[in-house]
C-alpha atoms as a PDB file:
ATOM      1  CA  MET A   1      67.625 118.811 109.512  1.00  0.00           C
ATOM      2  CA  ARG A   2      70.422 116.232 109.563  1.00  0.00           C
ATOM      3  CA  ILE A   3      70.163 114.048 106.453  1.00  0.00           C
ATOM      4  CA  VAL A   4      72.886 111.547 107.330  1.00  0.00           C
ATOM      5  CA  PRO A   5      73.661 110.489 110.918  1.00  0.00           C
ATOM      6  CA  PHE A   6      77.176 109.351 110.102  1.00  0.00           C
ATOM      7  CA  ILE A   7      79.304 109.567 107.003  1.00  0.00           C
ATOM      8  CA  ALA A   8      82.818 108.101 106.782  1.00  0.00           C
ATOM      9  CA  LEU A   9      84.570 109.494 103.735  1.00  0.00           C
ATOM     10  CA  LEU A  10      87.623 108.297 101.881  1.00  0.00           C
ATOM     11  CA  PHE A  11      87.642 110.288  98.715  1.00  0.00           C
ATOM     12  CA  ALA A  12      87.822 109.953  94.994  1.00  0.00           C
ATOM     13  CA  GLY A  13      87.159 111.797  91.132  1.00  0.00           C
ATOM     14  CA  LEU A  14      85.726 112.625  87.230  1.00  0.00           C
ATOM     15  CA  ALA A  15      86.416 112.237  83.498  1.00  0.00           C
ATOM     16  CA  PHE A  16      90.003 113.184  82.643  1.00  0.00           C
ATOM     17  CA  ALA A  17      91.742 114.131  79.415  1.00  0.00           C
ATOM     18  CA  GLU A  18      95.265 112.704  79.245  1.00  0.00           C
ATOM     19  CA  HIS A  19      98.087 114.899  77.892  1.00  0.00           C
ATOM     20  CA  PRO A  20     101.673 113.663  77.398  1.00  0.00           C
ATOM     21  CA  LEU A  21     104.160 115.111  79.859  1.00  0.00           C
ATOM     22  CA  ALA A  22     107.335 116.838  78.711  1.00  0.00           C
ATOM     23  CA  PRO A  23     110.552 115.067  79.833  1.00  0.00           C
ATOM     24  CA  ASP A  24     111.259 117.533  82.658  1.00  0.00           C
ATOM     25  CA  GLU A  25     107.627 117.342  83.847  1.00  0.00           C
ATOM     26  CA  ALA A  26     107.740 113.535  83.816  1.00  0.00           C
ATOM     27  CA  GLN A  27     110.983 113.541  85.775  1.00  0.00           C
ATOM     28  CA  LEU A  28     109.566 115.888  88.420  1.00  0.00           C
ATOM     29  CA  LEU A  29     106.421 113.779  88.690  1.00  0.00           C
ATOM     30  CA  GLU A  30     108.468 110.614  89.186  1.00  0.00           C
ATOM     31  CA  SER A  31     110.502 112.325  91.923  1.00  0.00           C
ATOM     32  CA  ALA A  32     107.249 113.387  93.596  1.00  0.00           C
ATOM     33  CA  ARG A  33     106.001 109.789  93.383  1.00  0.00           C
ATOM     34  CA  HIS A  34     109.125 108.523  95.134  1.00  0.00           C
ATOM     35  CA  TYR A  35     108.704 111.158  97.852  1.00  0.00           C
ATOM     36  CA  ALA A  36     105.000 110.392  98.359  1.00  0.00           C
ATOM     37  CA  LEU A  37     105.459 106.625  98.550  1.00  0.00           C
ATOM     38  CA  ASN A  38     108.082 107.046 101.264  1.00  0.00           C
ATOM     39  CA  TYR A  39     106.336 109.909 103.046  1.00  0.00           C
ATOM     40  CA  ALA A  40     104.387 108.006 105.708  1.00  0.00           C
ATOM     41  CA  ALA A  41     107.369 105.851 106.635  1.00  0.00           C
ATOM     42  CA  SER A  42     109.497 108.980 107.149  1.00  0.00           C
ATOM     43  CA  LEU A  43     107.233 110.480 109.811  1.00  0.00           C
ATOM     44  CA  PRO A  44     108.142 110.180 113.498  1.00  0.00           C
ATOM     45  CA  ASP A  45     105.742 109.099 116.219  1.00  0.00           C
ATOM     46  CA  PHE A  46     103.879 112.241 117.287  1.00  0.00           C
ATOM     47  CA  LEU A  47     100.744 113.758 118.746  1.00  0.00           C
ATOM     48  CA  CYS A  48      98.836 116.769 117.457  1.00  0.00           C
ATOM     49  CA  THR A  49      95.552 118.577 117.957  1.00  0.00           C
ATOM     50  CA  GLN A  50      92.979 118.604 115.170  1.00  0.00           C
ATOM     51  CA  LEU A  51      90.302 121.309 115.330  1.00  0.00           C
ATOM     52  CA  VAL A  52      87.292 120.694 113.093  1.00  0.00           C
ATOM     53  CA  ARG A  53      84.642 123.351 112.414  1.00  0.00           C
ATOM     54  CA  ARG A  54      81.624 121.565 110.910  1.00  0.00           C
ATOM     55  CA  SER A  55      79.031 123.577 108.995  1.00  0.00           C
ATOM     56  CA  GLU A  56      75.988 122.749 106.895  1.00  0.00           C
ATOM     57  CA  ASP A  57      73.771 124.334 104.231  1.00  0.00           C
ATOM     58  CA  PRO A  58      70.586 122.204 104.507  1.00  0.00           C
ATOM     59  CA  ARG A  59      68.737 123.671 101.501  1.00  0.00           C
ATOM     60  CA  GLY A  60      71.703 124.420  99.248  1.00  0.00           C
ATOM     61  CA  ASP A  61      70.853 128.129  99.208  1.00  0.00           C
ATOM     62  CA  GLY A  62      74.151 129.410 100.597  1.00  0.00           C
ATOM     63  CA  ARG A  63      72.834 129.901 104.132  1.00  0.00           C
ATOM     64  CA  TRP A  64      75.605 128.095 105.971  1.00  0.00           C
ATOM     65  CA  ARG A  65      75.408 127.555 109.713  1.00  0.00           C
ATOM     66  CA  LEU A  66      77.956 126.268 112.181  1.00  0.00           C
ATOM     67  CA  LEU A  67      77.026 122.871 113.608  1.00  0.00           C
ATOM     68  CA  ASP A  68      79.831 122.267 116.093  1.00  0.00           C
ATOM     69  CA  THR A  69      83.560 122.396 116.703  1.00  0.00           C
ATOM     70  CA  LEU A  70      85.446 119.194 117.473  1.00  0.00           C
ATOM     71  CA  ASN A  71      88.734 119.015 119.362  1.00  0.00           C
ATOM     72  CA  ILE A  72      90.482 115.767 118.445  1.00  0.00           C
ATOM     73  CA  LYS A  73      93.786 114.336 119.627  1.00  0.00           C
ATOM     74  CA  VAL A  74      95.579 112.606 116.765  1.00  0.00           C
ATOM     75  CA  SER A  75      98.199 109.996 117.671  1.00  0.00           C
ATOM     76  CA  TYR A  76     100.587 108.841 114.954  1.00  0.00           C
ATOM     77  CA  PHE A  77     102.385 105.767 116.284  1.00  0.00           C
ATOM     78  CA  GLY A  78     104.006 102.938 114.353  1.00  0.00           C
ATOM     79  CA  HIS A  79     102.877 104.593 111.088  1.00  0.00           C
ATOM     80  CA  ARG A  80      99.227 104.356 112.098  1.00  0.00           C
ATOM     81  CA  GLU A  81      96.739 107.110 112.889  1.00  0.00           C
ATOM     82  CA  GLU A  82      94.424 107.071 115.890  1.00  0.00           C
ATOM     83  CA  TYR A  83      91.759 109.711 116.526  1.00  0.00           C
ATOM     84  CA  LYS A  84      90.382 110.478 119.997  1.00  0.00           C
ATOM     85  CA  LEU A  85      87.572 112.991 120.398  1.00  0.00           C
ATOM     86  CA  MET A  86      88.384 115.239 123.366  1.00  0.00           C
ATOM     87  CA  GLU A  87      85.814 118.063 123.237  1.00  0.00           C
ATOM     88  CA  VAL A  88      82.658 119.096 121.392  1.00  0.00           C
ATOM     89  CA  ASP A  89      82.063 122.865 121.421  1.00  0.00           C
ATOM     90  CA  GLY A  90      84.598 123.239 124.224  1.00  0.00           C
ATOM     91  CA  ARG A  91      82.953 120.651 126.478  1.00  0.00           C
ATOM     92  CA  PRO A  92      84.863 117.463 127.412  1.00  0.00           C
ATOM     93  CA  THR A  93      83.386 114.232 126.063  1.00  0.00           C
ATOM     94  CA  VAL A  94      83.976 110.492 126.251  1.00  0.00           C
ATOM     95  CA  GLN A  95      82.127 109.890 122.977  1.00  0.00           C
ATOM     96  CA  ASP A  96      83.928 107.780 120.383  1.00  0.00           C
ATOM     97  CA  TYR A  97      85.031 109.749 117.300  1.00  0.00           C
ATOM     98  CA  ASP A  98      83.543 107.126 114.973  1.00  0.00           C
ATOM     99  CA  PHE A  99      80.112 107.646 116.534  1.00  0.00           C
ATOM    100  CA  VAL A 100      80.084 111.433 116.741  1.00  0.00           C
ATOM    101  CA  GLY A 101      77.681 111.654 113.785  1.00  0.00           C
ATOM    102  CA  GLY A 102      77.781 113.955 110.781  1.00  0.00           C
ATOM    103  CA  THR A 103      80.644 114.115 108.315  1.00  0.00           C
ATOM    104  CA  ILE A 104      84.088 112.939 109.379  1.00  0.00           C
ATOM    105  CA  SER A 105      87.280 112.194 107.461  1.00  0.00           C
ATOM    106  CA  THR A 106      90.669 110.560 108.053  1.00  0.00           C
ATOM    107  CA  GLY A 107      93.826 109.789 106.096  1.00  0.00           C
ATOM    108  CA  GLU A 108      95.513 113.189 105.920  1.00  0.00           C
ATOM    109  CA  PHE A 109      98.806 111.760 107.198  1.00  0.00           C
ATOM    110  CA  GLY A 110     100.006 110.016 104.064  1.00  0.00           C
ATOM    111  CA  THR A 111      97.147 107.700 103.076  1.00  0.00           C
ATOM    112  CA  ARG A 112      95.822 110.018 100.369  1.00  0.00           C
ATOM    113  CA  LEU A 113      99.266 110.543  98.858  1.00  0.00           C
ATOM    114  CA  LEU A 114      99.879 106.799  98.785  1.00  0.00           C
ATOM    115  CA  GLU A 115      96.595 106.180  96.988  1.00  0.00           C
ATOM    116  CA  VAL A 116      97.293 108.803  94.321  1.00  0.00           C
ATOM    117  CA  PHE A 117     100.833 107.650  93.545  1.00  0.00           C
ATOM    118  CA  ALA A 118     100.605 103.888  94.100  1.00  0.00           C
ATOM    119  CA  ARG A 119     101.358 101.956  90.903  1.00  0.00           C
ATOM    120  CA  GLY A 120      98.209  99.891  91.351  1.00  0.00           C
ATOM    121  CA  SER A 121      96.050 103.020  91.124  1.00  0.00           C
ATOM    122  CA  LYS A 122      97.197 103.493  87.491  1.00  0.00           C
ATOM    123  CA  ALA A 123      96.668 107.236  87.821  1.00  0.00           C
ATOM    124  CA  MET A 124      96.788 109.315  84.639  1.00  0.00           C
ATOM    125  CA  PHE A 125      98.640 112.606  85.079  1.00  0.00           C
ATOM    126  CA  ALA A 126      98.611 115.807  83.038  1.00  0.00           C
ATOM    127  CA  TRP A 127     100.640 118.988  83.388  1.00  0.00           C
ATOM    128  CA  LYS A 128      98.505 121.845  84.746  1.00  0.00           C
ATOM    129  CA  GLY A 129     101.034 124.666  85.215  1.00  0.00           C
ATOM    130  CA  TRP A 130     102.792 126.711  87.881  1.00  0.00           C
ATOM    131  CA  SER A 131     101.127 128.161  90.981  1.00  0.00           C
ATOM    132  CA  HIS A 132     101.825 129.034  94.624  1.00  0.00           C
ATOM    133  CA  VAL A 133     100.922 127.267  97.874  1.00  0.00           C
ATOM    134  CA  ARG A 134     101.723 129.084 101.123  1.00  0.00           C
ATOM    135  CA  ARG A 135     104.069 131.443  99.234  1.00  0.00           C
ATOM    136  CA  ARG A 136     105.934 128.481  97.773  1.00  0.00           C
ATOM    137  CA  ARG A 137     106.208 128.146  93.975  1.00  0.00           C
ATOM    138  CA  VAL A 138     104.795 124.769  92.990  1.00  0.00           C
ATOM    139  CA  ALA A 139     104.301 122.612  89.926  1.00  0.00           C
ATOM    140  CA  VAL A 140     100.697 121.457  89.562  1.00  0.00           C
ATOM    141  CA  PHE A 141      99.665 118.151  87.979  1.00  0.00           C
ATOM    142  CA  ALA A 142      96.081 117.042  87.370  1.00  0.00           C
ATOM    143  CA  TYR A 143      95.324 113.360  87.874  1.00  0.00           C
ATOM    144  CA  HIS A 144      92.545 110.837  87.413  1.00  0.00           C
ATOM    145  CA  ILE A 145      92.074 107.347  88.874  1.00  0.00           C
ATOM    146  CA  ALA A 146      89.396 105.123  87.371  1.00  0.00           C
ATOM    147  CA  ARG A 147      86.923 103.297  89.590  1.00  0.00           C
ATOM    148  CA  GLU A 148      88.284  99.861  88.621  1.00  0.00           C
ATOM    149  CA  ASN A 149      91.703 100.831  89.997  1.00  0.00           C
ATOM    150  CA  SER A 150      90.419 102.624  93.086  1.00  0.00           C
ATOM    151  CA  ALA A 151      90.324 101.534  96.707  1.00  0.00           C
ATOM    152  CA  ASN A 152      88.455 104.634  97.854  1.00  0.00           C
ATOM    153  CA  LEU A 153      85.217 104.074  99.689  1.00  0.00           C
ATOM    154  CA  VAL A 154      82.274 106.380 100.323  1.00  0.00           C
ATOM    155  CA  GLN A 155      79.980 105.011 103.006  1.00  0.00           C
ATOM    156  CA  ILE A 156      76.899 106.078 104.937  1.00  0.00           C
ATOM    157  CA  GLY A 157      76.799 104.583 108.399  1.00  0.00           C
ATOM    158  CA  LEU A 158      79.050 101.964 109.962  1.00  0.00           C
ATOM    159  CA  VAL A 159      77.945  98.855 108.067  1.00  0.00           C
ATOM    160  CA  PRO A 160      79.053  98.290 104.428  1.00  0.00           C
ATOM    161  CA  GLY A 161      76.437  97.237 101.899  1.00  0.00           C
ATOM    162  CA  PRO A 162      74.143  99.129  99.510  1.00  0.00           C
ATOM    163  CA  ASN A 163      74.974 102.291 101.456  1.00  0.00           C
ATOM    164  CA  SER A 164      78.652 102.131 100.433  1.00  0.00           C
ATOM    165  CA  THR A 165      80.468 102.199  97.105  1.00  0.00           C
ATOM    166  CA  ILE A 166      83.956 102.309  95.631  1.00  0.00           C
ATOM    167  CA  ILE A 167      84.407 105.389  93.441  1.00  0.00           C
ATOM    168  CA  GLY A 168      86.872 106.775  90.937  1.00  0.00           C
ATOM    169  CA  TYR A 169      88.309 110.214  91.565  1.00  0.00           C
ATOM    170  CA  HIS A 170      90.308 113.092  90.148  1.00  0.00           C
ATOM    171  CA  GLY A 171      92.121 116.118  91.470  1.00  0.00           C
ATOM    172  CA  GLU A 172      95.430 117.956  91.541  1.00  0.00           C
ATOM    173  CA  VAL A 173      98.777 117.574  93.296  1.00  0.00           C
ATOM    174  CA  ALA A 174     101.064 120.551  93.893  1.00  0.00           C
ATOM    175  CA  VAL A 175     104.768 119.662  94.014  1.00  0.00           C
ATOM    176  CA  ASP A 176     107.660 121.699  95.405  1.00  0.00           C
ATOM    177  CA  PRO A 177     110.237 121.501  92.545  1.00  0.00           C
ATOM    178  CA  GLU A 178     113.159 121.867  94.989  1.00  0.00           C
ATOM    179  CA  THR A 179     112.260 119.175  97.521  1.00  0.00           C
ATOM    180  CA  HIS A 180     109.850 117.125  95.343  1.00  0.00           C
ATOM    181  CA  ALA A 181     107.407 117.153  98.244  1.00  0.00           C
ATOM    182  CA  VAL A 182     103.656 117.251  97.587  1.00  0.00           C
ATOM    183  CA  VAL A 183     102.419 120.307  99.495  1.00  0.00           C
ATOM    184  CA  ARG A 184      98.764 120.206  98.423  1.00  0.00           C
ATOM    185  CA  VAL A 185      96.472 117.445  97.186  1.00  0.00           C
ATOM    186  CA  THR A 186      92.835 117.758  96.119  1.00  0.00           C
ATOM    187  CA  LEU A 187      90.265 115.046  95.470  1.00  0.00           C
ATOM    188  CA  THR A 188      86.826 115.115  93.862  1.00  0.00           C
ATOM    189  CA  GLY A 189      84.593 112.059  93.928  1.00  0.00           C
ATOM    190  CA  GLU A 190      82.820 110.451  90.966  1.00  0.00           C
ATOM    191  CA  LEU A 191      79.578 109.248  92.506  1.00  0.00           C
ATOM    192  CA  PRO A 192      77.342 106.672  90.774  1.00  0.00           C
ATOM    193  CA  PRO A 193      73.781 107.609  89.754  1.00  0.00           C
ATOM    194  CA  ARG A 194      71.073 107.237  92.388  1.00  0.00           C
ATOM    195  CA  PHE A 195      73.574 106.973  95.242  1.00  0.00           C
ATOM    196  CA  ALA A 196      72.526 108.918  98.358  1.00  0.00           C
ATOM    197  CA  ILE A 197      75.684 111.022  98.325  1.00  0.00           C
ATOM    198  CA  THR A 198      75.793 113.108  95.156  1.00  0.00           C
ATOM    199  CA  GLY A 199      79.105 114.908  95.637  1.00  0.00           C
ATOM    200  CA  CYS A 200      82.250 114.800  97.775  1.00  0.00           C
ATOM    201  CA  SER A 201      85.562 116.627  97.665  1.00  0.00           C
ATOM    202  CA  SER A 202      88.535 117.499  99.832  1.00  0.00           C
ATOM    203  CA  TRP A 203      91.908 119.199  99.909  1.00  0.00           C
ATOM    204  CA  VAL A 204      94.882 118.980 102.257  1.00  0.00           C
ATOM    205  CA  GLU A 205      97.816 121.378 102.543  1.00  0.00           C
ATOM    206  CA  TYR A 206     101.179 120.461 104.079  1.00  0.00           C
ATOM    207  CA  ASP A 207     103.914 122.620 105.605  1.00  0.00           C
ATOM    208  CA  TYR A 208     106.973 122.143 107.785  1.00  0.00           C
ATOM    209  CA  ARG A 209     106.482 121.795 111.525  1.00  0.00           C
ATOM    210  CA  SER A 210     108.921 121.002 114.323  1.00  0.00           C
ATOM    211  CA  VAL A 211     108.643 117.714 116.234  1.00  0.00           C
ATOM    212  CA  ALA A 212     111.270 117.000 118.893  1.00  0.00           C
ATOM    213  CA  GLY A 213     113.646 119.530 117.367  1.00  0.00           C
ATOM    214  CA  SER A 214     113.438 118.304 113.749  1.00  0.00           C
ATOM    215  CA  GLU A 215     111.408 119.701 110.828  1.00  0.00           C
ATOM    216  CA  TYR A 216     108.842 117.482 109.094  1.00  0.00           C
ATOM    217  CA  LEU A 217     106.318 118.123 106.335  1.00  0.00           C
ATOM    218  CA  LEU A 218     102.935 117.661 108.016  1.00  0.00           C
ATOM    219  CA  PRO A 219      99.261 118.485 107.357  1.00  0.00           C
ATOM    220  CA  VAL A 220      98.408 122.003 108.520  1.00  0.00           C
ATOM    221  CA  GLU A 221      94.963 122.632 107.010  1.00  0.00           C
ATOM    222  CA  SER A 222      92.260 120.665 105.246  1.00  0.00           C
ATOM    223  CA  GLN A 223      88.683 120.945 104.061  1.00  0.00           C
ATOM    224  CA  THR A 224      86.083 118.293 103.320  1.00  0.00           C
ATOM    225  CA  GLY A 225      82.844 118.919 101.426  1.00  0.00           C
ATOM    226  CA  LEU A 226      79.831 116.707 100.863  1.00  0.00           C
ATOM    227  CA  GLU A 227      76.540 116.943  98.964  1.00  0.00           C
ATOM    228  CA  ALA A 228      73.400 114.828  99.264  1.00  0.00           C
ATOM    229  CA  GLY A 229      70.839 116.320  96.921  1.00  0.00           C
ATOM    230  CA  ARG A 230      70.442 119.955  97.976  1.00  0.00           C
ATOM    231  CA  TYR A 231      72.064 119.314 101.351  1.00  0.00           C
ATOM    232  CA  ARG A 232      75.712 120.386 101.712  1.00  0.00           C
ATOM    233  CA  SER A 233      78.202 120.025 104.538  1.00  0.00           C
ATOM    234  CA  SER A 234      81.700 121.402 105.051  1.00  0.00           C
ATOM    235  CA  ASN A 235      84.429 120.523 107.550  1.00  0.00           C
ATOM    236  CA  ARG A 236      87.315 122.975 107.937  1.00  0.00           C
ATOM    237  CA  ILE A 237      90.250 121.360 109.738  1.00  0.00           C
ATOM    238  CA  VAL A 238      93.319 122.926 111.335  1.00  0.00           C
ATOM    239  CA  PHE A 239      96.214 120.805 112.632  1.00  0.00           C
ATOM    240  CA  GLN A 240      98.291 122.333 115.408  1.00  0.00           C
ATOM    241  CA  ASP A 241     100.421 121.706 118.494  1.00  0.00           C
ATOM    242  CA  TYR A 242     102.589 118.974 116.968  1.00  0.00           C
ATOM    243  CA  ARG A 243     104.691 117.265 119.633  1.00  0.00           C
ATOM    244  CA  LYS A 244     106.661 114.116 120.278  1.00  0.00           C
ATOM    245  CA  PHE A 245     104.763 110.955 121.152  1.00  0.00           C
ATOM    246  CA  GLN A 246     105.793 110.200 124.751  1.00  0.00           C
ATOM    247  CA  THR A 247     106.801 106.667 125.668  1.00  0.00           C
ATOM    248  CA  ASP A 248     104.582 106.736 128.751  1.00  0.00           C
ATOM    249  CA  ALA A 249     101.504 107.549 126.664  1.00  0.00           C
ATOM    250  CA  THR A 250      98.982 104.813 126.051  1.00  0.00           C
ATOM    251  CA  ILE A 251      97.049 104.177 122.865  1.00  0.00           C
ATOM    252  CA  THR A 252      94.636 101.488 121.773  1.00  0.00           C
ATOM    253  CA  PHE A 253      94.027 100.761 118.099  1.00  0.00           C
ATOM    254  CA  ARG A 254      90.611  99.517 117.108  1.00  0.00           C
END
């Protein structure tokens, strides 16, 4: 049974205990902030393929089942993202991505990093420790952004109103100490009581990919999770086939 016909998610997080950062930790965090705030502007115009495997656990008993697989062409042009649904379960479609139904997400190409590190978000950061992401040693910081400083929206359906709400959020950012690049970001939503969606979370991992002969840090894998009572959904996303945006290509922004 499908509980929600359409869910557009821009994520958020929980209560957070602030801990002072050591001078070297604070310096690394500030370098990561500078990198993140300039990240989107540094990307070239490109195309890539986004494969999304959508699964659900209707009764919350761990019996997951595959719903469908989406093949989406992502166009990044003029520092804006455009998503075009190409196939559903291997079959061509002319259906609009926004109306495909189920759980969808956007913003992997810089929007989430901007929201975490923007001064207006007033994020609180704490040192978490050292870890590894894709065999790369990384420094991990926990963060929290309060609802009053958040611009993150959780919405059911296409029309804002009582079925949408701004939420606070928390998560972690993993920073490469050599390049100061954020190579993984996680988000967990802080949902208000009695809202239809009771839980949402996501993570995105970045790695270097070649576009027109140059290396860029780009999303390579992501996962989105949602809960509505006992119902749970999960989208596993793989980004591949990065290539230069051709000048003879056409794109229409909505």
